[in-house]
Amino acid sequence: MEFINTILAFLINFIEHVINVMGPWGISLLMAIESCNIPLPSEAILPFAGYIVSKGEMNFHIAALAGAFGCVLGSIPSYYLGYFGGRKFVEKYGKYFLVSHKDLEEADKWVEKYGDWAFFICRMLPVVRTFISLPAGILRAKKRIFFTLTFLGSLVWSYLLVYVGVKMGQNMEAFKHIWHKFDIAIVVIFGILGVLYIYKHVKHLKES
């Protein structure tokens, strides 16, 4: 329990500090990290950005655009890892990027089922959205199509989660006389999601 609390505290402080200091650029940076297959979930990043928006400290559209831009930026190395490394390389060394065989197979199924549109659809789905760039690179998907659909799908996802953060912030402000530490409450909730995200991927790696 203490170990989980330590991870949670670090995740909370890191996300909060980066966004507070860097603003929209911080959102892009954090989303780029997530898209590089590092378990820093957008489910924790974007709602906190929405909370900042609810306090009038950031523009709603800029926050969402920053999230989508960061996702595209972070997808570039993952795409080229698959493009130049190929499936054998990813299957052999993917564990060092927290990418399990199960993650890769799941992303493959989406591409096989929906073709190029999988890049759009998967950007709006938890977990698989992080790893869809690898099979796209392995399959040598056309770059213009891949990155365009990645941006559009990520933009929808970003708008949704930023909006969730805005509504949470507005509702919590309404009960400000009851609770006095909403900043902590918000990041704790989404920090827990982040810990669960990390746990799931570590579990996949052990099962591989």
N, C-alpha and C. Protein backbone atom coordinates (compact mmCIF):
# COMPACT_ATOMS: atom_id res chain seq x y z
N MET A 1 0.84 -1.21 0.00
CA MET A 1 0.00 0.00 0.00
C MET A 1 0.87 1.26 0.00
N GLU A 2 1.94 1.20 0.78
CA GLU A 2 2.84 2.35 0.86
C GLU A 2 3.51 2.61 -0.49
N PHE A 3 3.85 1.50 -1.19
CA PHE A 3 4.48 1.63 -2.49
C PHE A 3 3.53 2.29 -3.49
N ILE A 4 2.27 1.86 -3.46
CA ILE A 4 1.26 2.44 -4.35
C ILE A 4 1.07 3.93 -4.05
N ASN A 5 1.04 4.26 -2.76
CA ASN A 5 0.88 5.66 -2.37
C ASN A 5 2.05 6.51 -2.85
N THR A 6 3.24 5.92 -2.84
CA THR A 6 4.43 6.64 -3.30
C THR A 6 4.34 6.93 -4.80
N ILE A 7 3.95 5.90 -5.56
CA ILE A 7 3.77 6.08 -7.01
C ILE A 7 2.69 7.10 -7.29
N LEU A 8 1.60 6.99 -6.56
CA LEU A 8 0.46 7.90 -6.73
C LEU A 8 0.86 9.34 -6.46
N ALA A 9 1.58 9.55 -5.37
CA ALA A 9 2.01 10.90 -5.00
C ALA A 9 2.93 11.49 -6.06
N PHE A 10 3.83 10.68 -6.56
CA PHE A 10 4.75 11.14 -7.60
C PHE A 10 4.00 11.51 -8.87
N LEU A 11 3.07 10.65 -9.29
CA LEU A 11 2.29 10.90 -10.50
C LEU A 11 1.47 12.17 -10.37
N ILE A 12 0.83 12.34 -9.22
CA ILE A 12 0.01 13.52 -8.97
C ILE A 12 0.86 14.79 -9.04
N ASN A 13 1.95 14.78 -8.32
CA ASN A 13 2.80 15.97 -8.26
C ASN A 13 3.42 16.30 -9.60
N PHE A 14 3.80 15.27 -10.33
CA PHE A 14 4.43 15.48 -11.63
C PHE A 14 3.47 16.12 -12.62
N ILE A 15 2.29 15.56 -12.75
CA ILE A 15 1.28 16.09 -13.68
C ILE A 15 0.89 17.51 -13.31
N GLU A 16 0.62 17.71 -12.02
CA GLU A 16 0.21 19.03 -11.55
C GLU A 16 1.31 20.06 -11.78
N HIS A 17 2.53 19.70 -11.47
CA HIS A 17 3.65 20.65 -11.60
C HIS A 17 3.89 21.02 -13.06
N VAL A 18 3.91 20.02 -13.94
CA VAL A 18 4.19 20.28 -15.35
C VAL A 18 3.14 21.18 -15.98
N ILE A 19 1.87 20.90 -15.72
CA ILE A 19 0.79 21.71 -16.32
C ILE A 19 0.76 23.11 -15.72
N ASN A 20 0.96 23.22 -14.41
CA ASN A 20 0.95 24.53 -13.77
C ASN A 20 2.10 25.41 -14.24
N VAL A 21 3.26 24.80 -14.48
CA VAL A 21 4.44 25.57 -14.87
C VAL A 21 4.46 25.86 -16.37
N MET A 22 4.11 24.86 -17.17
CA MET A 22 4.26 24.99 -18.62
C MET A 22 2.96 25.30 -19.37
N GLY A 23 1.83 25.19 -18.68
CA GLY A 23 0.56 25.48 -19.34
C GLY A 23 0.25 24.50 -20.46
N PRO A 24 -0.27 24.98 -21.60
CA PRO A 24 -0.61 24.10 -22.73
C PRO A 24 0.58 23.28 -23.22
N TRP A 25 1.77 23.86 -23.18
CA TRP A 25 2.96 23.11 -23.58
C TRP A 25 3.20 21.93 -22.65
N GLY A 26 2.84 22.10 -21.40
CA GLY A 26 2.97 21.00 -20.45
C GLY A 26 2.01 19.86 -20.79
N ILE A 27 0.80 20.23 -21.21
CA ILE A 27 -0.16 19.21 -21.63
C ILE A 27 0.39 18.43 -22.82
N SER A 28 0.94 19.16 -23.80
CA SER A 28 1.51 18.51 -24.98
C SER A 28 2.66 17.59 -24.60
N LEU A 29 3.50 18.04 -23.70
CA LEU A 29 4.63 17.23 -23.27
C LEU A 29 4.17 15.94 -22.60
N LEU A 30 3.22 16.05 -21.69
CA LEU A 30 2.73 14.88 -20.98
C LEU A 30 2.03 13.90 -21.92
N MET A 31 1.25 14.43 -22.86
CA MET A 31 0.57 13.56 -23.82
C MET A 31 1.57 12.90 -24.77
N ALA A 32 2.64 13.61 -25.09
CA ALA A 32 3.69 13.03 -25.93
C ALA A 32 4.37 11.88 -25.20
N ILE A 33 4.59 12.05 -23.91
CA ILE A 33 5.19 10.98 -23.10
C ILE A 33 4.30 9.74 -23.12
N GLU A 34 2.99 9.95 -22.96
CA GLU A 34 2.05 8.82 -22.99
C GLU A 34 2.10 8.11 -24.32
N SER A 35 2.16 8.86 -25.40
CA SER A 35 2.14 8.27 -26.74
C SER A 35 3.45 7.60 -27.11
N CYS A 36 4.48 7.81 -26.28
CA CYS A 36 5.77 7.12 -26.47
C CYS A 36 5.78 5.80 -25.70
N ASN A 37 4.58 5.31 -25.33
CA ASN A 37 4.42 4.02 -24.64
C ASN A 37 4.90 4.06 -23.19
N ILE A 38 4.96 5.25 -22.61
CA ILE A 38 5.30 5.39 -21.20
C ILE A 38 4.00 5.56 -20.42
N PRO A 39 3.79 4.75 -19.37
CA PRO A 39 2.49 4.76 -18.68
C PRO A 39 2.21 6.02 -17.87
N LEU A 40 1.89 7.07 -18.57
CA LEU A 40 1.45 8.32 -17.96
C LEU A 40 0.10 8.64 -18.62
N PRO A 41 -0.99 8.09 -18.11
CA PRO A 41 -2.26 8.06 -18.81
C PRO A 41 -2.93 9.43 -19.03
N SER A 42 -3.49 9.56 -20.23
CA SER A 42 -4.23 10.78 -20.56
C SER A 42 -5.46 10.92 -19.68
N GLU A 43 -5.95 9.80 -19.14
CA GLU A 43 -7.10 9.83 -18.25
C GLU A 43 -6.80 10.58 -16.95
N ALA A 44 -5.52 10.80 -16.69
CA ALA A 44 -5.13 11.62 -15.53
C ALA A 44 -4.71 13.02 -15.95
N ILE A 45 -4.10 13.12 -17.15
CA ILE A 45 -3.55 14.39 -17.62
C ILE A 45 -4.65 15.37 -18.02
N LEU A 46 -5.52 14.95 -18.93
CA LEU A 46 -6.48 15.87 -19.53
C LEU A 46 -7.58 16.35 -18.57
N PRO A 47 -8.12 15.50 -17.70
CA PRO A 47 -9.10 16.02 -16.74
C PRO A 47 -8.49 17.07 -15.80
N PHE A 48 -7.24 16.89 -15.44
CA PHE A 48 -6.61 17.93 -14.61
C PHE A 48 -6.48 19.23 -15.39
N ALA A 49 -6.17 19.11 -16.69
CA ALA A 49 -6.13 20.30 -17.55
C ALA A 49 -7.51 20.96 -17.58
N GLY A 50 -8.56 20.12 -17.63
CA GLY A 50 -9.92 20.65 -17.60
C GLY A 50 -10.24 21.37 -16.31
N TYR A 51 -9.70 20.86 -15.23
CA TYR A 51 -9.88 21.52 -13.94
C TYR A 51 -9.24 22.91 -13.96
N ILE A 52 -8.06 23.01 -14.56
CA ILE A 52 -7.40 24.31 -14.71
C ILE A 52 -8.26 25.25 -15.56
N VAL A 53 -8.87 24.69 -16.60
CA VAL A 53 -9.77 25.48 -17.46
C VAL A 53 -10.96 25.99 -16.64
N SER A 54 -11.51 25.12 -15.77
CA SER A 54 -12.69 25.51 -14.98
C SER A 54 -12.39 26.68 -14.05
N LYS A 55 -11.11 26.86 -13.71
CA LYS A 55 -10.72 27.96 -12.83
C LYS A 55 -10.40 29.22 -13.63
N GLY A 56 -10.56 29.15 -14.97
CA GLY A 56 -10.32 30.30 -15.82
C GLY A 56 -8.86 30.57 -16.10
N GLU A 57 -8.00 29.59 -15.87
CA GLU A 57 -6.57 29.78 -16.04
C GLU A 57 -6.06 29.27 -17.39
N MET A 58 -6.95 28.67 -18.20
CA MET A 58 -6.55 28.17 -19.50
C MET A 58 -7.78 28.11 -20.40
N ASN A 59 -7.58 28.29 -21.70
CA ASN A 59 -8.67 28.22 -22.66
C ASN A 59 -9.02 26.75 -22.96
N PHE A 60 -10.30 26.46 -23.01
CA PHE A 60 -10.79 25.10 -23.22
C PHE A 60 -10.26 24.50 -24.53
N HIS A 61 -10.38 25.24 -25.62
CA HIS A 61 -9.97 24.73 -26.94
C HIS A 61 -8.45 24.56 -27.03
N ILE A 62 -7.73 25.48 -26.43
CA ILE A 62 -6.27 25.37 -26.44
C ILE A 62 -5.82 24.13 -25.68
N ALA A 63 -6.47 23.84 -24.55
CA ALA A 63 -6.13 22.65 -23.77
C ALA A 63 -6.34 21.38 -24.58
N ALA A 64 -7.47 21.31 -25.29
CA ALA A 64 -7.76 20.12 -26.11
C ALA A 64 -6.80 20.00 -27.28
N LEU A 65 -6.53 21.11 -27.95
CA LEU A 65 -5.60 21.09 -29.08
C LEU A 65 -4.20 20.71 -28.62
N ALA A 66 -3.81 21.19 -27.46
CA ALA A 66 -2.49 20.85 -26.92
C ALA A 66 -2.39 19.35 -26.68
N GLY A 67 -3.47 18.76 -26.20
CA GLY A 67 -3.48 17.32 -25.96
C GLY A 67 -3.33 16.53 -27.25
N ALA A 68 -4.06 16.93 -28.28
CA ALA A 68 -4.00 16.24 -29.58
C ALA A 68 -2.63 16.41 -30.23
N PHE A 69 -2.07 17.61 -30.14
CA PHE A 69 -0.75 17.87 -30.70
C PHE A 69 0.30 17.00 -30.02
N GLY A 70 0.23 16.90 -28.70
CA GLY A 70 1.19 16.09 -27.96
C GLY A 70 1.09 14.62 -28.32
N CYS A 71 -0.12 14.17 -28.55
CA CYS A 71 -0.32 12.77 -28.92
C CYS A 71 0.35 12.46 -30.26
N VAL A 72 0.19 13.36 -31.21
CA VAL A 72 0.82 13.16 -32.53
C VAL A 72 2.34 13.19 -32.38
N LEU A 73 2.83 14.14 -31.61
CA LEU A 73 4.27 14.28 -31.41
C LEU A 73 4.87 13.01 -30.81
N GLY A 74 4.21 12.47 -29.80
CA GLY A 74 4.70 11.27 -29.15
C GLY A 74 4.54 10.01 -29.98
N SER A 75 3.63 10.04 -30.95
CA SER A 75 3.41 8.87 -31.80
C SER A 75 4.51 8.69 -32.84
N ILE A 76 5.24 9.76 -33.12
CA ILE A 76 6.28 9.70 -34.16
C ILE A 76 7.35 8.66 -33.84
N PRO A 77 7.98 8.69 -32.64
CA PRO A 77 9.00 7.67 -32.37
C PRO A 77 8.44 6.26 -32.33
N SER A 78 7.20 6.09 -31.83
CA SER A 78 6.60 4.77 -31.79
C SER A 78 6.35 4.24 -33.21
N TYR A 79 5.87 5.12 -34.06
CA TYR A 79 5.62 4.73 -35.45
C TYR A 79 6.91 4.27 -36.12
N TYR A 80 7.97 5.05 -35.96
CA TYR A 80 9.22 4.71 -36.63
C TYR A 80 9.93 3.53 -35.98
N LEU A 81 9.64 3.28 -34.70
CA LEU A 81 10.16 2.09 -34.06
C LEU A 81 9.61 0.84 -34.75
N GLY A 82 8.31 0.88 -35.02
CA GLY A 82 7.70 -0.23 -35.74
C GLY A 82 8.11 -0.26 -37.20
N TYR A 83 8.26 0.92 -37.79
CA TYR A 83 8.58 1.05 -39.22
C TYR A 83 9.96 0.46 -39.53
N PHE A 84 10.96 0.83 -38.74
CA PHE A 84 12.32 0.38 -39.01
C PHE A 84 12.69 -0.89 -38.25
N GLY A 85 12.10 -1.08 -37.08
CA GLY A 85 12.45 -2.25 -36.28
C GLY A 85 11.72 -3.50 -36.70
N GLY A 86 10.48 -3.32 -37.16
CA GLY A 86 9.68 -4.48 -37.57
C GLY A 86 9.11 -5.23 -36.38
N ARG A 87 8.27 -6.20 -36.69
CA ARG A 87 7.58 -6.94 -35.65
C ARG A 87 8.54 -7.72 -34.73
N LYS A 88 9.54 -8.35 -35.30
CA LYS A 88 10.46 -9.16 -34.49
C LYS A 88 11.17 -8.30 -33.44
N PHE A 89 11.56 -7.11 -33.86
CA PHE A 89 12.25 -6.21 -32.94
C PHE A 89 11.32 -5.80 -31.80
N VAL A 90 10.09 -5.42 -32.15
CA VAL A 90 9.13 -4.97 -31.14
C VAL A 90 8.77 -6.11 -30.19
N GLU A 91 8.59 -7.33 -30.75
CA GLU A 91 8.24 -8.46 -29.91
C GLU A 91 9.38 -8.82 -28.96
N LYS A 92 10.61 -8.63 -29.40
CA LYS A 92 11.77 -8.98 -28.59
C LYS A 92 12.09 -7.93 -27.53
N TYR A 93 11.99 -6.65 -27.93
CA TYR A 93 12.41 -5.58 -27.04
C TYR A 93 11.26 -4.71 -26.52
N GLY A 94 10.04 -5.05 -26.93
CA GLY A 94 8.89 -4.24 -26.53
C GLY A 94 8.71 -4.13 -25.03
N LYS A 95 9.13 -5.17 -24.31
CA LYS A 95 8.95 -5.15 -22.85
C LYS A 95 9.71 -4.00 -22.19
N TYR A 96 10.77 -3.54 -22.85
CA TYR A 96 11.54 -2.42 -22.29
C TYR A 96 10.80 -1.10 -22.46
N PHE A 97 9.75 -1.12 -23.31
CA PHE A 97 8.91 0.07 -23.51
C PHE A 97 7.53 -0.16 -22.89
N LEU A 98 7.44 -1.19 -22.04
CA LEU A 98 6.17 -1.60 -21.41
C LEU A 98 5.12 -1.99 -22.44
N VAL A 99 5.56 -2.57 -23.55
CA VAL A 99 4.66 -3.07 -24.59
C VAL A 99 4.70 -4.58 -24.57
N SER A 100 3.61 -5.22 -24.20
CA SER A 100 3.55 -6.67 -24.15
C SER A 100 3.05 -7.22 -25.48
N HIS A 101 3.20 -8.53 -25.68
CA HIS A 101 2.68 -9.17 -26.89
C HIS A 101 1.16 -8.99 -26.97
N LYS A 102 0.52 -9.02 -25.81
CA LYS A 102 -0.93 -8.87 -25.77
C LYS A 102 -1.35 -7.48 -26.24
N ASP A 103 -0.60 -6.46 -25.84
CA ASP A 103 -0.89 -5.10 -26.29
C ASP A 103 -0.78 -5.01 -27.81
N LEU A 104 0.28 -5.59 -28.34
CA LEU A 104 0.52 -5.53 -29.78
C LEU A 104 -0.54 -6.30 -30.55
N GLU A 105 -0.91 -7.46 -30.04
CA GLU A 105 -1.94 -8.27 -30.71
C GLU A 105 -3.29 -7.56 -30.72
N GLU A 106 -3.59 -6.89 -29.62
CA GLU A 106 -4.86 -6.17 -29.54
C GLU A 106 -4.91 -5.04 -30.57
N ALA A 107 -3.80 -4.31 -30.69
CA ALA A 107 -3.74 -3.23 -31.68
C ALA A 107 -3.82 -3.80 -33.10
N ASP A 108 -3.18 -4.95 -33.33
CA ASP A 108 -3.21 -5.59 -34.65
C ASP A 108 -4.64 -5.93 -35.06
N LYS A 109 -5.42 -6.42 -34.11
CA LYS A 109 -6.80 -6.81 -34.40
C LYS A 109 -7.63 -5.61 -34.88
N TRP A 110 -7.37 -4.46 -34.25
CA TRP A 110 -8.10 -3.26 -34.65
C TRP A 110 -7.74 -2.84 -36.07
N VAL A 111 -6.45 -2.89 -36.39
CA VAL A 111 -6.01 -2.51 -37.74
C VAL A 111 -6.56 -3.47 -38.77
N GLU A 112 -6.54 -4.76 -38.45
CA GLU A 112 -7.05 -5.76 -39.37
C GLU A 112 -8.55 -5.59 -39.62
N LYS A 113 -9.26 -5.20 -38.59
CA LYS A 113 -10.72 -5.08 -38.69
C LYS A 113 -11.16 -3.78 -39.37
N TYR A 114 -10.48 -2.67 -39.07
CA TYR A 114 -10.95 -1.37 -39.54
C TYR A 114 -10.01 -0.67 -40.51
N GLY A 115 -8.85 -1.25 -40.78
CA GLY A 115 -7.92 -0.62 -41.72
C GLY A 115 -7.40 0.70 -41.17
N ASP A 116 -7.25 1.69 -42.06
CA ASP A 116 -6.71 2.99 -41.64
C ASP A 116 -7.57 3.67 -40.58
N TRP A 117 -8.89 3.40 -40.61
CA TRP A 117 -9.77 4.06 -39.65
C TRP A 117 -9.52 3.58 -38.22
N ALA A 118 -8.78 2.48 -38.08
CA ALA A 118 -8.42 2.02 -36.74
C ALA A 118 -7.59 3.07 -36.02
N PHE A 119 -6.79 3.82 -36.79
CA PHE A 119 -5.93 4.84 -36.18
C PHE A 119 -6.78 5.96 -35.57
N PHE A 120 -7.93 6.22 -36.17
CA PHE A 120 -8.86 7.22 -35.65
C PHE A 120 -9.63 6.67 -34.45
N ILE A 121 -10.19 5.47 -34.63
CA ILE A 121 -11.03 4.88 -33.58
C ILE A 121 -10.23 4.59 -32.32
N CYS A 122 -9.04 4.01 -32.49
CA CYS A 122 -8.26 3.59 -31.33
C CYS A 122 -7.73 4.77 -30.52
N ARG A 123 -7.64 5.93 -31.13
CA ARG A 123 -7.20 7.11 -30.37
C ARG A 123 -8.26 7.57 -29.38
N MET A 124 -9.44 6.99 -29.45
CA MET A 124 -10.50 7.35 -28.52
C MET A 124 -10.79 6.22 -27.54
N LEU A 125 -9.88 5.24 -27.48
CA LEU A 125 -10.06 4.10 -26.60
C LEU A 125 -8.92 4.03 -25.58
N PRO A 126 -9.25 3.80 -24.32
CA PRO A 126 -8.19 3.68 -23.31
C PRO A 126 -7.23 2.54 -23.63
N VAL A 127 -6.00 2.68 -23.20
CA VAL A 127 -4.94 1.67 -23.31
C VAL A 127 -4.48 1.44 -24.74
N VAL A 128 -5.39 0.88 -25.59
CA VAL A 128 -4.96 0.53 -26.95
C VAL A 128 -4.52 1.76 -27.73
N ARG A 129 -5.04 2.93 -27.37
CA ARG A 129 -4.68 4.16 -28.07
C ARG A 129 -3.18 4.45 -27.97
N THR A 130 -2.57 3.99 -26.88
CA THR A 130 -1.16 4.25 -26.66
C THR A 130 -0.27 3.43 -27.61
N PHE A 131 -0.75 2.24 -27.99
CA PHE A 131 0.11 1.30 -28.70
C PHE A 131 -0.22 1.14 -30.19
N ILE A 132 -1.21 1.85 -30.68
CA ILE A 132 -1.62 1.67 -32.08
C ILE A 132 -0.54 2.15 -33.04
N SER A 133 0.35 3.02 -32.60
CA SER A 133 1.40 3.53 -33.48
C SER A 133 2.38 2.45 -33.90
N LEU A 134 2.63 1.49 -33.03
CA LEU A 134 3.59 0.43 -33.35
C LEU A 134 3.14 -0.43 -34.53
N PRO A 135 1.93 -1.00 -34.51
CA PRO A 135 1.50 -1.77 -35.68
C PRO A 135 1.35 -0.91 -36.92
N ALA A 136 1.03 0.38 -36.73
CA ALA A 136 0.95 1.28 -37.89
C ALA A 136 2.31 1.38 -38.56
N GLY A 137 3.36 1.47 -37.76
CA GLY A 137 4.70 1.52 -38.32
C GLY A 137 5.11 0.20 -38.94
N ILE A 138 4.79 -0.90 -38.26
CA ILE A 138 5.12 -2.23 -38.77
C ILE A 138 4.46 -2.47 -40.12
N LEU A 139 3.19 -2.03 -40.24
CA LEU A 139 2.44 -2.20 -41.49
C LEU A 139 2.79 -1.13 -42.52
N ARG A 140 3.66 -0.20 -42.11
CA ARG A 140 4.08 0.90 -42.97
C ARG A 140 2.89 1.68 -43.53
N ALA A 141 2.00 2.03 -42.61
CA ALA A 141 0.83 2.83 -42.99
C ALA A 141 1.31 4.17 -43.55
N LYS A 142 0.54 4.70 -44.49
CA LYS A 142 0.91 5.98 -45.10
C LYS A 142 0.95 7.05 -44.02
N LYS A 143 2.06 7.74 -43.96
CA LYS A 143 2.30 8.69 -42.87
C LYS A 143 1.24 9.78 -42.81
N ARG A 144 0.88 10.34 -43.95
CA ARG A 144 -0.08 11.44 -43.95
C ARG A 144 -1.42 10.99 -43.39
N ILE A 145 -1.86 9.81 -43.81
CA ILE A 145 -3.14 9.29 -43.32
C ILE A 145 -3.05 8.97 -41.83
N PHE A 146 -1.98 8.30 -41.44
CA PHE A 146 -1.83 7.90 -40.04
C PHE A 146 -1.82 9.09 -39.11
N PHE A 147 -0.99 10.07 -39.39
CA PHE A 147 -0.86 11.20 -38.47
C PHE A 147 -2.08 12.12 -38.51
N THR A 148 -2.75 12.19 -39.67
CA THR A 148 -3.99 12.98 -39.73
C THR A 148 -5.08 12.35 -38.88
N LEU A 149 -5.27 11.03 -39.02
CA LEU A 149 -6.30 10.34 -38.25
C LEU A 149 -5.93 10.27 -36.77
N THR A 150 -4.64 10.20 -36.50
CA THR A 150 -4.18 10.23 -35.11
C THR A 150 -4.54 11.56 -34.46
N PHE A 151 -4.31 12.65 -35.18
CA PHE A 151 -4.63 13.97 -34.64
C PHE A 151 -6.14 14.11 -34.41
N LEU A 152 -6.94 13.71 -35.40
CA LEU A 152 -8.39 13.88 -35.29
C LEU A 152 -8.98 13.02 -34.17
N GLY A 153 -8.55 11.77 -34.09
CA GLY A 153 -9.05 10.90 -33.02
C GLY A 153 -8.61 11.40 -31.65
N SER A 154 -7.37 11.86 -31.57
CA SER A 154 -6.85 12.38 -30.30
C SER A 154 -7.55 13.68 -29.90
N LEU A 155 -7.96 14.46 -30.90
CA LEU A 155 -8.66 15.71 -30.61
C LEU A 155 -10.01 15.44 -29.99
N VAL A 156 -10.73 14.45 -30.51
CA VAL A 156 -12.02 14.07 -29.93
C VAL A 156 -11.81 13.59 -28.49
N TRP A 157 -10.82 12.73 -28.30
CA TRP A 157 -10.50 12.21 -26.97
C TRP A 157 -10.13 13.34 -26.00
N SER A 158 -9.34 14.27 -26.49
CA SER A 158 -8.89 15.38 -25.65
C SER A 158 -10.05 16.27 -25.24
N TYR A 159 -10.91 16.60 -26.20
CA TYR A 159 -12.08 17.42 -25.88
C TYR A 159 -12.95 16.74 -24.83
N LEU A 160 -13.13 15.43 -24.96
CA LEU A 160 -13.98 14.70 -24.03
C LEU A 160 -13.43 14.74 -22.61
N LEU A 161 -12.14 14.43 -22.47
CA LEU A 161 -11.56 14.37 -21.13
C LEU A 161 -11.34 15.74 -20.51
N VAL A 162 -11.03 16.72 -21.33
CA VAL A 162 -10.92 18.09 -20.80
C VAL A 162 -12.29 18.56 -20.31
N TYR A 163 -13.32 18.23 -21.06
CA TYR A 163 -14.68 18.59 -20.67
C TYR A 163 -15.06 17.94 -19.34
N VAL A 164 -14.69 16.65 -19.18
CA VAL A 164 -14.95 15.96 -17.91
C VAL A 164 -14.28 16.71 -16.76
N GLY A 165 -13.03 17.14 -16.98
CA GLY A 165 -12.32 17.89 -15.94
C GLY A 165 -12.97 19.22 -15.63
N VAL A 166 -13.48 19.89 -16.67
CA VAL A 166 -14.17 21.17 -16.48
C VAL A 166 -15.42 20.99 -15.62
N LYS A 167 -16.22 19.98 -15.96
CA LYS A 167 -17.47 19.75 -15.21
C LYS A 167 -17.17 19.35 -13.77
N MET A 168 -16.14 18.55 -13.58
CA MET A 168 -15.77 18.19 -12.20
C MET A 168 -15.34 19.41 -11.42
N GLY A 169 -14.54 20.25 -12.06
CA GLY A 169 -14.09 21.46 -11.40
C GLY A 169 -15.24 22.37 -11.03
N GLN A 170 -16.20 22.51 -11.94
CA GLN A 170 -17.35 23.37 -11.67
C GLN A 170 -18.20 22.82 -10.53
N ASN A 171 -18.41 21.52 -10.52
CA ASN A 171 -19.22 20.91 -9.46
C ASN A 171 -18.53 20.98 -8.11
N MET A 172 -17.23 20.79 -8.13
CA MET A 172 -16.51 20.83 -6.86
C MET A 172 -16.44 22.24 -6.29
N GLU A 173 -16.36 23.22 -7.17
CA GLU A 173 -16.35 24.61 -6.69
C GLU A 173 -17.67 24.93 -6.00
N ALA A 174 -18.75 24.30 -6.44
CA ALA A 174 -20.07 24.57 -5.85
C ALA A 174 -20.14 24.09 -4.40
N PHE A 175 -19.27 23.12 -4.04
CA PHE A 175 -19.26 22.59 -2.68
C PHE A 175 -17.99 22.99 -1.92
N LYS A 176 -17.50 24.15 -2.28
CA LYS A 176 -16.23 24.59 -1.71
C LYS A 176 -16.30 24.78 -0.19
N HIS A 177 -17.47 25.08 0.33
CA HIS A 177 -17.60 25.30 1.77
C HIS A 177 -17.56 23.99 2.54
N ILE A 178 -17.69 22.85 1.84
CA ILE A 178 -17.67 21.54 2.51
C ILE A 178 -16.27 20.93 2.46
N TRP A 179 -15.72 20.95 1.26
CA TRP A 179 -14.38 20.39 1.09
C TRP A 179 -13.40 21.52 0.85
N HIS A 180 -12.21 21.38 1.38
CA HIS A 180 -11.24 22.47 1.30
C HIS A 180 -9.99 22.14 0.50
N LYS A 181 -9.91 20.92 0.02
CA LYS A 181 -8.71 20.52 -0.71
C LYS A 181 -9.08 19.82 -2.01
N PHE A 182 -9.80 20.53 -2.86
CA PHE A 182 -10.26 19.92 -4.10
C PHE A 182 -9.11 19.60 -5.04
N ASP A 183 -8.08 20.42 -5.02
CA ASP A 183 -6.94 20.15 -5.90
C ASP A 183 -6.43 18.74 -5.65
N ILE A 184 -6.28 18.41 -4.37
CA ILE A 184 -5.77 17.09 -4.00
C ILE A 184 -6.78 16.01 -4.41
N ALA A 185 -8.06 16.26 -4.15
CA ALA A 185 -9.09 15.26 -4.46
C ALA A 185 -9.11 14.92 -5.94
N ILE A 186 -9.02 15.93 -6.78
CA ILE A 186 -9.09 15.70 -8.22
C ILE A 186 -7.90 14.88 -8.71
N VAL A 187 -6.71 15.28 -8.34
CA VAL A 187 -5.54 14.56 -8.83
C VAL A 187 -5.43 13.17 -8.21
N VAL A 188 -5.95 12.99 -6.99
CA VAL A 188 -5.95 11.66 -6.39
C VAL A 188 -6.81 10.71 -7.20
N ILE A 189 -8.00 11.16 -7.58
CA ILE A 189 -8.91 10.33 -8.36
C ILE A 189 -8.25 9.87 -9.65
N PHE A 190 -7.68 10.82 -10.39
CA PHE A 190 -7.10 10.46 -11.67
C PHE A 190 -5.71 9.84 -11.50
N GLY A 191 -5.08 10.10 -10.37
CA GLY A 191 -3.83 9.42 -10.07
C GLY A 191 -4.06 7.93 -9.85
N ILE A 192 -5.17 7.59 -9.20
CA ILE A 192 -5.52 6.20 -8.99
C ILE A 192 -5.70 5.50 -10.33
N LEU A 193 -6.35 6.19 -11.28
CA LEU A 193 -6.50 5.63 -12.62
C LEU A 193 -5.13 5.37 -13.25
N GLY A 194 -4.21 6.27 -12.98
CA GLY A 194 -2.86 6.10 -13.52
C GLY A 194 -2.18 4.86 -12.95
N VAL A 195 -2.33 4.64 -11.63
CA VAL A 195 -1.73 3.47 -11.00
C VAL A 195 -2.34 2.19 -11.57
N LEU A 196 -3.66 2.17 -11.76
CA LEU A 196 -4.32 1.01 -12.34
C LEU A 196 -3.81 0.75 -13.75
N TYR A 197 -3.57 1.82 -14.49
CA TYR A 197 -3.04 1.73 -15.85
C TYR A 197 -1.67 1.05 -15.85
N ILE A 198 -0.80 1.49 -14.95
CA ILE A 198 0.54 0.91 -14.84
C ILE A 198 0.44 -0.56 -14.44
N TYR A 199 -0.41 -0.86 -13.47
CA TYR A 199 -0.58 -2.23 -13.00
C TYR A 199 -1.02 -3.16 -14.12
N LYS A 200 -1.94 -2.70 -14.95
CA LYS A 200 -2.45 -3.53 -16.03
C LYS A 200 -1.38 -3.88 -17.02
N HIS A 201 -0.52 -2.89 -17.34
CA HIS A 201 0.51 -3.15 -18.33
C HIS A 201 1.65 -3.99 -17.78
N VAL A 202 1.97 -3.83 -16.51
CA VAL A 202 2.98 -4.70 -15.89
C VAL A 202 2.46 -6.13 -15.86
N LYS A 203 1.17 -6.28 -15.60
CA LYS A 203 0.55 -7.59 -15.59
C LYS A 203 0.63 -8.24 -16.95
N HIS A 204 0.37 -7.48 -18.01
CA HIS A 204 0.46 -7.99 -19.38
C HIS A 204 1.87 -8.47 -19.68
N LEU A 205 2.86 -7.71 -19.20
CA LEU A 205 4.26 -8.08 -19.45
C LEU A 205 4.60 -9.40 -18.77
N LYS A 206 4.08 -9.61 -17.58
CA LYS A 206 4.35 -10.85 -16.86
C LYS A 206 3.68 -12.04 -17.54
N GLU A 207 2.54 -11.77 -18.20
CA GLU A 207 1.81 -12.84 -18.87
C GLU A 207 2.41 -13.20 -20.23
N SER A 208 3.27 -12.30 -20.76
CA SER A 208 3.83 -12.52 -22.09
C SER A 208 4.86 -13.65 -22.08
